[in-house]
Amino acid sequence: MHPYGVTVAEFTNRISALRNKLGNEGVKDEGLGFILPFSGNILSADNNSLSYPRTPREILSIIYGSGNESVPGGFYPNGADGRIARYYLHNT
């Protein structure tokens, strides 16, 4: 990928690793994880093809980019304005 000097797979894997780190709850996002020659991990899911669940706390930690559900930043530098987001900003 120009201008980053990495492949799409590597770029995607780095984003997945960051989401796992910020979510603080293990590996719920696996990236592309290509296995040669032809198979790849397109969907990070359980045996029933259901994506791994994330709690509101995990989601806020990721979208804020802080790894903490009560510290705004990232996509919402002033904090999100929903009921759940306001709860975490004022109660943790």
Protein backbone atom coordinates (compact mmCIF):
# COMPACT_ATOMS: atom_id res chain seq x y z
CA MET A 1 0.00 0.00 0.00
CA HIS A 2 1.44 3.27 -1.14
CA PRO A 3 2.70 5.33 0.69
CA TYR A 4 2.96 3.06 3.75
CA GLY A 5 5.28 0.41 2.33
CA VAL A 6 3.28 -2.53 3.71
CA THR A 7 0.91 -5.03 2.13
CA VAL A 8 -2.85 -4.83 2.58
CA ALA A 9 -2.67 -7.98 4.72
CA GLU A 10 -0.01 -6.48 6.99
CA PHE A 11 -1.92 -3.21 7.29
CA THR A 12 -5.11 -5.11 8.18
CA ASN A 13 -3.28 -7.31 10.68
CA ARG A 14 -1.83 -4.23 12.41
CA ILE A 15 -5.31 -2.70 12.74
CA SER A 16 -6.59 -5.98 14.19
CA ALA A 17 -3.73 -6.13 16.68
CA LEU A 18 -4.45 -2.55 17.76
CA ARG A 19 -8.17 -3.29 18.28
CA ASN A 20 -7.26 -6.34 20.39
CA LYS A 21 -4.83 -4.27 22.46
CA LEU A 22 -7.26 -1.38 23.01
CA GLY A 23 -10.17 -3.74 23.78
CA ASN A 24 -8.21 -5.33 26.64
CA GLU A 25 -10.04 -8.65 26.30
CA GLY A 26 -7.81 -11.04 24.35
CA VAL A 27 -7.99 -11.90 20.66
CA LYS A 28 -11.37 -11.08 19.14
CA ASP A 29 -10.01 -9.72 15.88
CA GLU A 30 -7.61 -11.85 13.87
CA GLY A 31 -6.90 -9.81 10.76
CA LEU A 32 -6.52 -11.54 7.41
CA GLY A 33 -4.08 -14.22 8.58
CA PHE A 34 -3.42 -15.65 5.11
CA ILE A 35 -2.26 -19.24 4.99
CA LEU A 36 -0.63 -20.27 1.72
CA PRO A 37 -1.49 -21.28 -0.87
CA PHE A 38 -5.19 -20.36 -1.08
CA SER A 39 -7.00 -20.18 2.24
CA GLY A 40 -7.36 -17.12 4.43
CA ASN A 41 -9.22 -15.86 7.45
CA ILE A 42 -11.81 -13.46 6.09
CA LEU A 43 -14.16 -13.52 9.09
CA SER A 44 -13.10 -13.64 12.72
CA ALA A 45 -15.91 -15.71 14.20
CA ASP A 46 -16.88 -18.74 16.23
CA ASN A 47 -17.88 -22.15 14.81
CA ASN A 48 -21.34 -20.78 13.94
CA SER A 49 -19.86 -17.84 11.97
CA LEU A 50 -20.98 -15.40 14.65
CA SER A 51 -18.51 -12.64 15.35
CA TYR A 52 -17.01 -12.55 18.80
CA PRO A 53 -19.03 -10.24 21.03
CA ARG A 54 -17.63 -7.04 22.47
CA THR A 55 -18.98 -5.34 25.56
CA PRO A 56 -19.83 -1.63 25.53
CA ARG A 57 -16.70 -1.09 27.64
CA GLU A 58 -14.52 -2.79 25.00
CA ILE A 59 -16.11 -0.83 22.13
CA LEU A 60 -15.63 2.50 23.88
CA SER A 61 -12.02 1.63 24.71
CA ILE A 62 -11.39 0.95 21.01
CA ILE A 63 -13.22 3.89 19.45
CA TYR A 64 -11.71 6.31 21.97
CA GLY A 65 -8.28 4.93 21.10
CA SER A 66 -7.23 5.17 24.72
CA GLY A 67 -7.74 1.57 25.84
CA ASN A 68 -9.95 3.01 28.60
CA GLU A 69 -13.71 3.39 28.31
CA SER A 70 -13.72 6.52 30.45
CA VAL A 71 -10.95 8.43 28.58
CA PRO A 72 -12.27 10.07 25.39
CA GLY A 73 -10.19 10.46 22.26
CA GLY A 74 -9.82 8.84 18.84
CA PHE A 75 -13.04 9.03 16.86
CA TYR A 76 -14.73 10.87 19.75
CA PRO A 77 -12.25 13.35 21.24
CA ASN A 78 -14.99 14.85 23.44
CA GLY A 79 -16.56 11.50 24.28
CA ALA A 80 -19.56 9.83 22.70
CA ASP A 81 -22.99 11.21 23.55
CA GLY A 82 -25.07 8.06 23.99
CA ARG A 83 -26.52 6.87 27.28
CA ILE A 84 -23.97 4.06 27.70
CA ALA A 85 -20.99 6.27 26.82
CA ARG A 86 -22.13 8.99 29.24
CA TYR A 87 -22.50 6.36 31.97
CA TYR A 88 -18.87 5.25 31.59
CA LEU A 89 -17.57 8.82 31.42
CA HIS A 90 -19.24 9.71 34.71
CA ASN A 91 -19.09 6.43 36.68
CA THR A 92 -15.65 4.90 36.19
